[in-house]
Amino acid sequence: MILDPNRLFPADSEARSVAARLYETVRDLPIISPHGHTDPRWFAENEPFANPTALFIQPDHYIFRMLYSQGISLESLGIPPLDGTAAPVDPKEVWRIFARNYYFFRGTPTRLWLDYSFENQFGLTKRLSPENADEYYEIIARKLQTPEFRPRALYERFNIEVLSTTDTPLDTLEYHKAIKESGWKGRILPTFRPDPVIDADYTGFLANIQKLGEITGEDTATWKGYLNALRNRRAFFKSMGATATDHGHPTAFTADLDPDTAASLFGRIISGRSVPQEQEYFRGQMLTEMAGMSVEDGLTMQLHPGSVRNHNRQLYERFGRDKGADIPSQTEYVRGLQPLLNRYGNDQRLTFILFTLDESTFSRELAPLAGHYPALKLGPPWWFHDSAEGMMRFREQATETAGFYNTVGFNDDTRALLSIPSRHDVARRIDCAFLGRLVVEHRLDEDEAFEVIKDLTVNLVRKAYKL
């Protein structure tokens, strides 16, 4: 076996024993994945995945960013450049490159996720290496052609209760519609991500605003028409099952301008002549507008700030977005969020979930904020901190001020379908480890720990995302 059954549990035998007992009560509970980036087309068409490389390596920036950091080109991994100039690659050769360099992932969460998938989903119990790379590839490739490994079958085998995608206001949601009309019972829900029509720095922003108007029949050259168009699309997403919005802003800055000033700022933004400070004010104003719309329509609001996206300019120009070059940045929340919270933070109709890539803010800013404002909840460790250590640091830093019940359980935020059960397994194990330690330190009674672990696994996420 690659995986030890007591992995991630405390080294102390008494705490490990409590953690193991807690884990047995939640290990088989359904997976609720309320925020992620899987492709709804997979579930609409339900076709086999092409090959192991297309499934594990090419869509997963966690994998190819590590390989790239060691001098392995994206072209050699079959990542297509925007201009289509790269020569075709043999997917089996890409897998061999991956296997030769698997040691790069030692100690990383990616290694935990991959080993879990290899053993639990494909029965591969020897560590991946150059010597067994072809054997791995052939076994996985054969299984991918069977009915049991089609997307809908995997969804059911993983015991997923609900899986949310991330979609722009310009998306027709045609694949979500096809899923609903197919009669399949899987719950694949869209999430409203308006960044392309809110962030003036987004590629194609002005064209996106125009298209938003065409889709909705609203005059998006006016402030009133623009806001109406966003309300229109939110209503459409909600009719398709959406329960949440998501906002990937560079900072947590918010604003609360009077209507005339906001309209004037919008005019400057769509003129195409705005400066960065105006763009930041507009993003901040739009977060407050989105919070108001969430009070109206009940959609849970998520904020994922603090990523300097496409940091590697050469890579971005050749390959485009989401190629592993997004880097965390220091983020300020207390003053940044104050305008929005002054307006809506006390309104219990709003559920506003905060994430961070700046761990220094958990105990200093985010936990105190969530421990006070009724509207606020803390999202789980995200992206670079979606690791065993990151999850434990989160519990240690946030619980003392926010408690457990101002958090929202776990979400995996992944593009890699096969990593979903492994990511949730890591989260469940770390929560059990943390609770086990509290029990043996006599800071929590064991019967309370059994209640808390079920809440952290399924109950809090269902409540926060209205599932």
Protein backbone atom coordinates (compact mmCIF):
# COMPACT_ATOMS: atom_id res chain seq x y z
CA MET A 1 0.00 0.00 0.00
CA ILE A 2 1.09 3.57 -0.70
CA LEU A 3 -1.22 5.00 1.96
CA ASP A 4 -1.01 4.40 5.70
CA PRO A 5 -4.49 4.22 7.29
CA ASN A 6 -3.37 6.56 10.09
CA ARG A 7 -1.84 9.19 7.83
CA LEU A 8 -2.18 12.78 9.04
CA PHE A 9 -3.38 11.72 12.51
CA PRO A 10 -1.41 12.93 15.56
CA ALA A 11 1.80 11.17 16.56
CA ASP A 12 0.59 11.05 20.18
CA SER A 13 -1.11 7.67 20.59
CA GLU A 14 -4.03 8.91 22.69
CA ALA A 15 -4.87 11.80 20.34
CA ARG A 16 -4.41 9.49 17.35
CA SER A 17 -6.89 7.03 18.82
CA VAL A 18 -9.52 9.76 19.28
CA ALA A 19 -8.87 11.11 15.77
CA ALA A 20 -9.29 7.64 14.27
CA ARG A 21 -12.61 7.12 16.04
CA LEU A 22 -13.86 10.49 14.87
CA TYR A 23 -12.76 9.77 11.32
CA GLU A 24 -14.71 6.52 11.18
CA THR A 25 -17.93 8.49 11.68
CA VAL A 26 -17.32 10.85 8.73
CA ARG A 27 -15.13 8.98 6.27
CA ASP A 28 -18.12 7.76 4.25
CA LEU A 29 -20.32 10.85 4.50
CA PRO A 30 -21.20 12.41 1.14
CA ILE A 31 -18.87 14.91 -0.50
CA ILE A 32 -20.30 18.40 -0.83
CA SER A 33 -18.24 20.47 -3.23
CA PRO A 34 -19.80 23.97 -3.36
CA HIS A 35 -16.94 25.73 -5.14
CA GLY A 36 -14.73 24.34 -7.91
CA HIS A 37 -13.70 24.52 -11.52
CA THR A 38 -14.57 21.16 -13.04
CA ASP A 39 -16.00 21.29 -16.56
CA PRO A 40 -19.79 20.83 -16.74
CA ARG A 41 -19.31 19.51 -20.26
CA TRP A 42 -17.84 16.32 -18.78
CA PHE A 43 -21.15 15.51 -17.08
CA ALA A 44 -23.34 16.71 -19.93
CA GLU A 45 -21.65 14.54 -22.56
CA ASN A 46 -20.43 11.78 -20.20
CA GLU A 47 -17.69 10.70 -22.60
CA PRO A 48 -14.57 8.78 -21.51
CA PHE A 49 -11.53 10.81 -20.55
CA ALA A 50 -9.02 10.65 -23.39
CA ASN A 51 -5.98 9.27 -21.56
CA PRO A 52 -4.13 9.48 -18.22
CA THR A 53 -2.15 12.54 -19.28
CA ALA A 54 -5.26 14.49 -20.31
CA LEU A 55 -6.90 13.56 -17.02
CA PHE A 56 -4.11 14.02 -14.46
CA ILE A 57 -1.49 16.37 -15.88
CA GLN A 58 -2.66 18.79 -18.55
CA PRO A 59 -5.65 20.37 -16.72
CA ASP A 60 -3.95 20.57 -13.30
CA HIS A 61 -1.79 23.62 -12.68
CA TYR A 62 -0.66 22.16 -9.34
CA ILE A 63 1.19 19.52 -11.34
CA PHE A 64 2.59 21.38 -14.30
CA ARG A 65 3.66 24.48 -12.32
CA MET A 66 5.98 22.25 -10.24
CA LEU A 67 7.40 20.62 -13.34
CA TYR A 68 7.84 24.01 -15.01
CA SER A 69 9.69 25.29 -11.93
CA GLN A 70 12.29 22.58 -12.58
CA GLY A 71 12.84 23.63 -16.18
CA ILE A 72 10.37 21.31 -17.93
CA SER A 73 8.60 23.21 -20.70
CA LEU A 74 4.83 23.36 -20.93
CA GLU A 75 5.13 22.43 -24.63
CA SER A 76 6.75 19.13 -23.68
CA LEU A 77 3.77 18.42 -21.40
CA GLY A 78 1.30 19.02 -24.23
CA ILE A 79 -0.01 22.34 -22.88
CA PRO A 80 -1.12 24.14 -26.06
CA PRO A 81 0.13 27.70 -26.74
CA LEU A 82 -2.39 30.29 -27.83
CA ASP A 83 -0.98 30.52 -31.34
CA GLY A 84 -1.22 26.77 -31.93
CA THR A 85 2.40 26.45 -33.03
CA ALA A 86 3.52 23.60 -30.77
CA ALA A 87 4.06 20.20 -32.29
CA PRO A 88 1.81 17.35 -31.09
CA VAL A 89 3.18 15.28 -28.22
CA ASP A 90 2.73 11.61 -27.34
CA PRO A 91 0.63 11.49 -24.16
CA LYS A 92 2.53 8.40 -23.01
CA GLU A 93 5.82 10.28 -23.30
CA VAL A 94 4.34 13.13 -21.24
CA TRP A 95 3.42 10.55 -18.60
CA ARG A 96 7.00 9.26 -18.62
CA ILE A 97 8.28 12.79 -18.02
CA PHE A 98 5.87 13.05 -15.11
CA ALA A 99 6.98 9.71 -13.66
CA ARG A 100 10.70 10.53 -13.98
CA ASN A 101 10.09 13.69 -12.02
CA TYR A 102 7.54 12.44 -9.51
CA TYR A 103 10.05 12.97 -6.71
CA PHE A 104 9.58 16.74 -7.10
CA PHE A 105 6.23 16.33 -5.33
CA ARG A 106 7.63 14.81 -2.13
CA GLY A 107 6.06 16.46 0.92
CA THR A 108 3.44 18.35 -1.09
CA PRO A 109 -0.36 18.01 -0.90
CA THR A 110 -0.31 17.15 -4.61
CA ARG A 111 1.59 13.98 -3.75
CA LEU A 112 -1.07 13.05 -1.16
CA TRP A 113 -3.86 13.59 -3.68
CA LEU A 114 -2.13 11.66 -6.46
CA ASP A 115 -1.18 8.67 -4.31
CA TYR A 116 -4.76 8.50 -3.02
CA SER A 117 -6.14 8.50 -6.56
CA PHE A 118 -3.66 5.91 -7.82
CA GLU A 119 -4.37 3.48 -4.99
CA ASN A 120 -8.08 3.98 -4.32
CA GLN A 121 -9.28 4.52 -7.86
CA PHE A 122 -6.90 2.36 -9.91
CA GLY A 123 -5.55 -0.19 -7.43
CA LEU A 124 -1.93 0.91 -7.97
CA THR A 125 -0.12 0.18 -4.72
CA LYS A 126 3.51 0.79 -5.71
CA ARG A 127 4.87 4.32 -5.83
CA LEU A 128 4.99 5.81 -9.33
CA SER A 129 8.50 5.67 -10.79
CA PRO A 130 10.26 5.66 -14.18
CA GLU A 131 10.32 1.84 -14.01
CA ASN A 132 6.56 1.41 -13.68
CA ALA A 133 5.46 4.50 -15.64
CA ASP A 134 4.25 2.50 -18.66
CA GLU A 135 2.46 -0.03 -16.45
CA TYR A 136 0.69 2.83 -14.65
CA TYR A 137 -0.27 4.43 -17.94
CA GLU A 138 -1.69 1.26 -19.47
CA ILE A 139 -3.72 0.30 -16.39
CA ILE A 140 -5.20 3.79 -16.06
CA ALA A 141 -5.84 4.08 -19.80
CA ARG A 142 -7.72 0.77 -19.89
CA LYS A 143 -9.88 1.68 -16.91
CA LEU A 144 -10.71 5.08 -18.38
CA GLN A 145 -12.41 3.33 -21.29
CA THR A 146 -14.77 1.42 -19.02
CA PRO A 147 -18.26 2.66 -18.02
CA GLU A 148 -17.16 2.86 -14.36
CA PHE A 149 -14.75 5.69 -15.16
CA ARG A 150 -17.04 7.98 -17.10
CA PRO A 151 -17.70 11.33 -15.38
CA ARG A 152 -21.17 10.54 -14.10
CA ALA A 153 -20.10 7.16 -12.76
CA LEU A 154 -17.15 8.76 -10.95
CA TYR A 155 -19.45 11.39 -9.46
CA GLU A 156 -21.64 8.61 -8.08
CA ARG A 157 -18.75 6.40 -6.95
CA PHE A 158 -17.18 9.33 -5.10
CA ASN A 159 -20.48 9.79 -3.25
CA ILE A 160 -20.72 13.43 -4.31
CA GLU A 161 -23.94 15.06 -3.14
CA VAL A 162 -23.47 18.32 -5.05
CA LEU A 163 -20.73 19.77 -7.25
CA SER A 164 -20.61 23.45 -8.18
CA THR A 165 -18.79 24.85 -11.19
CA THR A 166 -17.63 28.45 -11.76
CA ASP A 167 -19.18 30.33 -14.67
CA THR A 168 -19.17 33.85 -16.09
CA PRO A 169 -22.33 35.96 -16.61
CA LEU A 170 -21.75 35.54 -20.35
CA ASP A 171 -21.99 31.75 -20.14
CA THR A 172 -25.12 30.24 -21.67
CA LEU A 173 -25.00 27.38 -19.14
CA GLU A 174 -25.86 25.07 -22.02
CA TYR A 175 -24.12 22.10 -20.40
CA HIS A 176 -25.93 22.63 -17.11
CA LYS A 177 -29.16 22.74 -19.08
CA ALA A 178 -28.26 19.51 -20.88
CA ILE A 179 -27.52 17.81 -17.56
CA LYS A 180 -30.89 18.85 -16.13
CA GLU A 181 -32.74 17.70 -19.24
CA SER A 182 -30.94 14.34 -19.36
CA GLY A 183 -32.76 12.99 -16.33
CA TRP A 184 -29.52 12.17 -14.51
CA LYS A 185 -29.87 12.85 -10.79
CA GLY A 186 -26.41 14.31 -10.19
CA ARG A 187 -26.44 17.89 -8.91
CA ILE A 188 -24.02 19.98 -10.98
CA LEU A 189 -24.73 23.61 -10.10
CA PRO A 190 -23.39 26.80 -11.69
CA THR A 191 -21.79 29.60 -9.67
CA PHE A 192 -22.03 33.23 -10.76
CA ARG A 193 -18.50 34.67 -11.27
CA PRO A 194 -18.85 38.21 -12.66
CA ASP A 195 -15.14 39.16 -12.82
CA PRO A 196 -15.07 39.52 -16.65
CA VAL A 197 -17.73 42.27 -16.51
CA ILE A 198 -16.64 43.91 -13.23
CA ASP A 199 -12.84 44.03 -13.43
CA ALA A 200 -11.79 46.70 -15.95
CA ASP A 201 -8.34 45.08 -16.06
CA TYR A 202 -9.83 41.82 -17.33
CA THR A 203 -8.96 40.94 -20.94
CA GLY A 204 -11.82 41.95 -23.24
CA PHE A 205 -13.66 43.86 -20.49
CA LEU A 206 -15.37 46.46 -22.71
CA ALA A 207 -16.46 43.84 -25.23
CA ASN A 208 -17.78 41.75 -22.34
CA ILE A 209 -19.90 44.68 -21.12
CA GLN A 210 -21.36 45.04 -24.59
CA LYS A 211 -22.11 41.33 -24.83
CA LEU A 212 -23.76 41.43 -21.40
CA GLY A 213 -26.14 44.04 -22.78
CA GLU A 214 -26.87 41.98 -25.88
CA ILE A 215 -27.66 38.88 -23.80
CA THR A 216 -29.97 40.68 -21.39
CA GLY A 217 -31.50 43.36 -23.62
CA GLU A 218 -30.34 46.04 -21.17
CA ASP A 219 -28.46 49.22 -22.04
CA THR A 220 -25.15 48.43 -20.35
CA ALA A 221 -23.73 51.77 -21.43
CA THR A 222 -25.73 53.22 -18.50
CA TRP A 223 -25.19 52.54 -14.80
CA LYS A 224 -28.84 51.56 -14.28
CA GLY A 225 -28.88 49.27 -17.31
CA TYR A 226 -25.60 47.66 -16.29
CA LEU A 227 -26.88 46.84 -12.79
CA ASN A 228 -30.16 45.55 -14.23
CA ALA A 229 -28.22 43.31 -16.61
CA LEU A 230 -26.31 41.80 -13.69
CA ARG A 231 -29.55 41.22 -11.80
CA ASN A 232 -30.96 39.57 -14.92
CA ARG A 233 -28.05 37.13 -15.17
CA ARG A 234 -28.08 36.37 -11.47
CA ALA A 235 -31.76 35.45 -11.77
CA PHE A 236 -30.95 33.20 -14.73
CA PHE A 237 -28.17 31.45 -12.81
CA LYS A 238 -30.47 30.98 -9.84
CA SER A 239 -33.11 29.45 -12.11
CA MET A 240 -30.43 26.95 -13.21
CA GLY A 241 -29.73 25.94 -9.62
CA ALA A 242 -27.00 28.36 -8.56
CA THR A 243 -26.84 29.09 -4.84
CA ALA A 244 -23.70 31.26 -4.76
CA THR A 245 -21.64 33.96 -6.40
CA ASP A 246 -17.86 34.19 -6.43
CA HIS A 247 -15.52 37.16 -6.79
CA GLY A 248 -11.82 36.82 -7.57
CA HIS A 249 -10.67 40.36 -6.95
CA PRO A 250 -7.01 41.31 -6.49
CA THR A 251 -7.77 42.92 -3.09
CA ALA A 252 -10.53 43.05 -0.48
CA PHE A 253 -11.09 46.78 -0.99
CA THR A 254 -14.74 47.86 -1.00
CA ALA A 255 -16.51 51.18 -1.51
CA ASP A 256 -19.99 52.55 -0.88
CA LEU A 257 -20.44 55.54 -3.19
CA ASP A 258 -23.61 57.54 -3.58
CA PRO A 259 -25.56 56.69 -6.78
CA ASP A 260 -24.48 59.74 -8.75
CA THR A 261 -20.80 59.25 -7.95
CA ALA A 262 -21.05 55.55 -8.76
CA ALA A 263 -22.69 56.33 -12.10
CA SER A 264 -19.98 58.86 -12.90
CA LEU A 265 -17.28 56.33 -12.05
CA PHE A 266 -18.97 53.73 -14.25
CA GLY A 267 -18.94 56.20 -17.14
CA ARG A 268 -15.23 56.69 -16.69
CA ILE A 269 -14.65 52.92 -16.56
CA ILE A 270 -16.51 52.16 -19.80
CA SER A 271 -14.83 55.07 -21.57
CA GLY A 272 -11.73 52.89 -21.75
CA ARG A 273 -9.61 55.70 -20.29
CA SER A 274 -9.77 54.78 -16.60
CA VAL A 275 -6.64 54.62 -14.45
CA PRO A 276 -5.77 51.81 -11.99
CA GLN A 277 -7.05 53.72 -8.94
CA GLU A 278 -10.44 54.21 -10.61
CA GLN A 279 -10.55 50.54 -11.56
CA GLU A 280 -9.87 49.55 -7.95
CA TYR A 281 -12.65 51.85 -6.71
CA PHE A 282 -15.01 50.36 -9.27
CA ARG A 283 -14.20 46.80 -8.22
CA GLY A 284 -14.74 47.87 -4.61
CA GLN A 285 -18.07 49.51 -5.41
CA MET A 286 -19.19 46.44 -7.30
CA LEU A 287 -18.47 44.18 -4.32
CA THR A 288 -20.88 46.30 -2.30
CA GLU A 289 -23.42 46.24 -5.13
CA MET A 290 -23.10 42.45 -5.33
CA ALA A 291 -23.63 42.17 -1.56
CA GLY A 292 -26.82 44.19 -1.91
CA MET A 293 -28.01 41.93 -4.72
CA SER A 294 -27.26 38.88 -2.53
CA VAL A 295 -29.47 40.36 0.17
CA GLU A 296 -32.19 40.63 -2.48
CA ASP A 297 -31.88 37.23 -4.16
CA GLY A 298 -30.35 35.09 -1.40
CA LEU A 299 -27.24 33.94 -3.28
CA THR A 300 -24.33 33.26 -0.95
CA MET A 301 -21.39 35.56 -1.71
CA GLN A 302 -17.75 34.44 -1.82
CA LEU A 303 -14.63 36.61 -2.05
CA HIS A 304 -11.31 35.11 -3.16
CA PRO A 305 -8.81 38.00 -3.12
CA GLY A 306 -5.05 38.32 -2.94
CA SER A 307 -3.77 36.54 -6.05
CA VAL A 308 -1.43 38.40 -8.37
CA ARG A 309 -2.57 36.61 -11.47
CA ASN A 310 -0.44 35.81 -14.52
CA HIS A 311 2.73 36.97 -12.76
CA ASN A 312 4.88 35.39 -15.47
CA ARG A 313 4.17 37.74 -18.38
CA GLN A 314 5.97 35.64 -21.00
CA LEU A 315 4.03 32.55 -19.99
CA TYR A 316 0.75 34.45 -20.04
CA GLU A 317 1.38 35.87 -23.50
CA ARG A 318 2.23 32.44 -24.89
CA PHE A 319 -0.23 30.18 -23.04
CA GLY A 320 -2.92 32.44 -21.54
CA ARG A 321 -4.55 32.40 -18.11
CA ASP A 322 -4.41 29.78 -15.38
CA LYS A 323 -1.03 28.29 -16.18
CA GLY A 324 0.38 28.09 -12.66
CA ALA A 325 1.83 31.61 -12.52
CA ASP A 326 -0.60 33.14 -10.02
CA ILE A 327 1.20 34.22 -6.83
CA PRO A 328 -0.24 35.07 -3.38
CA SER A 329 0.03 38.64 -2.16
CA GLN A 330 -0.40 40.45 1.15
CA THR A 331 -4.06 41.38 1.66
CA GLU A 332 -5.75 43.82 4.05
CA TYR A 333 -9.34 43.14 5.18
CA VAL A 334 -10.26 45.26 8.22
CA ARG A 335 -10.32 48.66 6.54
CA GLY A 336 -10.89 47.29 3.05
CA LEU A 337 -14.17 45.60 3.92
CA GLN A 338 -15.49 48.29 6.25
CA PRO A 339 -17.63 50.17 3.67
CA LEU A 340 -19.40 46.97 2.62
CA LEU A 341 -19.79 45.77 6.20
CA ASN A 342 -21.15 49.13 7.36
CA ARG A 343 -23.85 48.67 4.73
CA TYR A 344 -24.61 44.95 4.95
CA GLY A 345 -22.48 43.25 7.61
CA ASN A 346 -25.28 43.21 10.18
CA ASP A 347 -27.90 41.90 7.74
CA GLN A 348 -28.52 38.24 8.47
CA ARG A 349 -29.97 37.77 5.00
CA LEU A 350 -26.40 37.98 3.65
CA THR A 351 -23.92 35.11 3.88
CA PHE A 352 -20.52 36.46 2.87
CA ILE A 353 -17.69 33.91 2.86
CA LEU A 354 -14.13 35.24 3.01
CA PHE A 355 -11.06 33.41 1.74
CA THR A 356 -7.43 34.44 1.87
CA LEU A 357 -4.02 33.66 0.42
CA ASP A 358 -2.45 35.71 3.22
CA GLU A 359 -2.35 33.42 6.25
CA SER A 360 -1.11 36.24 8.49
CA THR A 361 -4.65 37.65 8.42
CA PHE A 362 -6.44 34.66 9.93
CA SER A 363 -5.88 35.45 13.61
CA ARG A 364 -5.35 39.20 13.21
CA GLU A 365 -8.20 40.17 10.85
CA LEU A 366 -10.45 37.46 9.45
CA ALA A 367 -11.29 35.49 12.60
CA PRO A 368 -12.11 38.66 14.58
CA LEU A 369 -14.26 39.96 11.72
CA ALA A 370 -16.15 36.67 11.32
CA GLY A 371 -16.40 36.39 15.08
CA HIS A 372 -18.39 39.61 15.13
CA TYR A 373 -20.39 40.33 11.95
CA PRO A 374 -23.48 38.11 11.49
CA ALA A 375 -23.07 38.16 7.70
CA LEU A 376 -19.46 36.92 7.66
CA LYS A 377 -18.10 33.39 7.56
CA LEU A 378 -14.58 32.09 6.97
CA GLY A 379 -13.89 29.91 3.96
CA PRO A 380 -11.40 27.05 4.34
CA PRO A 381 -7.69 27.25 3.46
CA TRP A 382 -7.53 27.94 -0.23
CA TRP A 383 -5.21 27.17 -3.13
CA PHE A 384 -1.62 27.35 -1.89
CA HIS A 385 -2.79 26.59 1.65
CA ASP A 386 -5.03 23.63 0.73
CA SER A 387 -2.59 21.34 2.51
CA ALA A 388 -2.38 19.36 5.74
CA GLU A 389 -0.25 22.05 7.35
CA GLY A 390 -2.39 24.88 5.96
CA MET A 391 -5.60 23.31 7.27
CA MET A 392 -4.08 22.80 10.72
CA ARG A 393 -2.76 26.36 10.83
CA PHE A 394 -6.25 27.59 9.90
CA ARG A 395 -7.91 25.70 12.76
CA GLU A 396 -5.26 26.82 15.23
CA GLN A 397 -5.42 30.48 14.22
CA ALA A 398 -9.13 30.92 13.55
CA THR A 399 -10.89 28.76 16.15
CA GLU A 400 -9.85 30.75 19.22
CA THR A 401 -11.74 33.82 17.96
CA ALA A 402 -14.27 32.65 15.36
CA GLY A 403 -14.98 29.21 16.79
CA PHE A 404 -16.07 26.40 14.51
CA TYR A 405 -19.50 27.77 13.68
CA ASN A 406 -18.31 30.87 11.87
CA THR A 407 -16.56 28.64 9.35
CA VAL A 408 -18.16 26.77 6.45
CA GLY A 409 -16.55 23.34 6.25
CA PHE A 410 -14.34 22.42 3.30
CA ASN A 411 -14.40 23.02 -0.43
CA ASP A 412 -11.86 21.67 -2.87
CA ASP A 413 -11.68 24.46 -5.49
CA THR A 414 -10.27 22.04 -8.06
CA ARG A 415 -10.20 21.48 -11.81
CA ALA A 416 -9.01 17.89 -11.29
CA LEU A 417 -12.04 15.60 -10.89
CA LEU A 418 -10.10 12.62 -9.55
CA SER A 419 -8.54 14.72 -6.78
CA ILE A 420 -11.89 15.60 -5.20
CA PRO A 421 -12.24 12.59 -2.85
CA SER A 422 -8.59 12.78 -1.82
CA ARG A 423 -8.81 16.49 -0.98
CA HIS A 424 -11.91 15.96 1.13
CA ASP A 425 -10.26 12.99 2.84
CA VAL A 426 -7.28 15.16 3.82
CA ALA A 427 -9.60 17.83 5.23
CA ARG A 428 -11.58 15.29 7.26
CA ARG A 429 -8.39 13.74 8.66
CA ILE A 430 -6.91 17.09 9.68
CA ASP A 431 -10.13 18.19 11.37
CA CYS A 432 -10.19 14.88 13.24
CA ALA A 433 -6.56 15.36 14.24
CA PHE A 434 -7.26 18.86 15.56
CA LEU A 435 -10.33 17.73 17.49
CA GLY A 436 -8.49 14.70 18.84
CA ARG A 437 -5.85 16.98 20.30
CA LEU A 438 -8.49 19.19 21.93
CA VAL A 439 -10.09 16.13 23.52
CA VAL A 440 -6.87 14.74 25.05
CA GLU A 441 -5.94 18.22 26.28
CA HIS A 442 -9.36 18.35 28.01
CA ARG A 443 -10.40 21.42 26.04
CA LEU A 444 -13.37 19.65 24.42
CA ASP A 445 -15.48 16.71 25.56
CA GLU A 446 -15.39 13.71 23.27
CA ASP A 447 -19.15 13.71 22.69
CA GLU A 448 -18.84 17.35 21.53
CA ALA A 449 -16.02 16.40 19.17
CA PHE A 450 -18.26 13.84 17.47
CA GLU A 451 -20.88 16.56 16.91
CA VAL A 452 -18.34 19.07 15.65
CA ILE A 453 -16.70 16.75 13.13
CA LYS A 454 -20.04 16.00 11.47
CA ASP A 455 -20.80 19.71 11.36
CA LEU A 456 -17.41 20.48 9.80
CA THR A 457 -17.86 17.71 7.24
CA VAL A 458 -21.40 18.27 5.96
CA ASN A 459 -23.70 20.43 8.07
CA LEU A 460 -21.91 23.78 7.93
CA VAL A 461 -21.35 23.66 4.18
CA ARG A 462 -24.98 22.76 3.51
CA LYS A 463 -26.13 25.70 5.62
CA ALA A 464 -23.67 28.30 4.27
CA TYR A 465 -24.29 27.45 0.61
CA LYS A 466 -28.02 26.76 1.08
CA LEU A 467 -27.75 23.22 -0.20
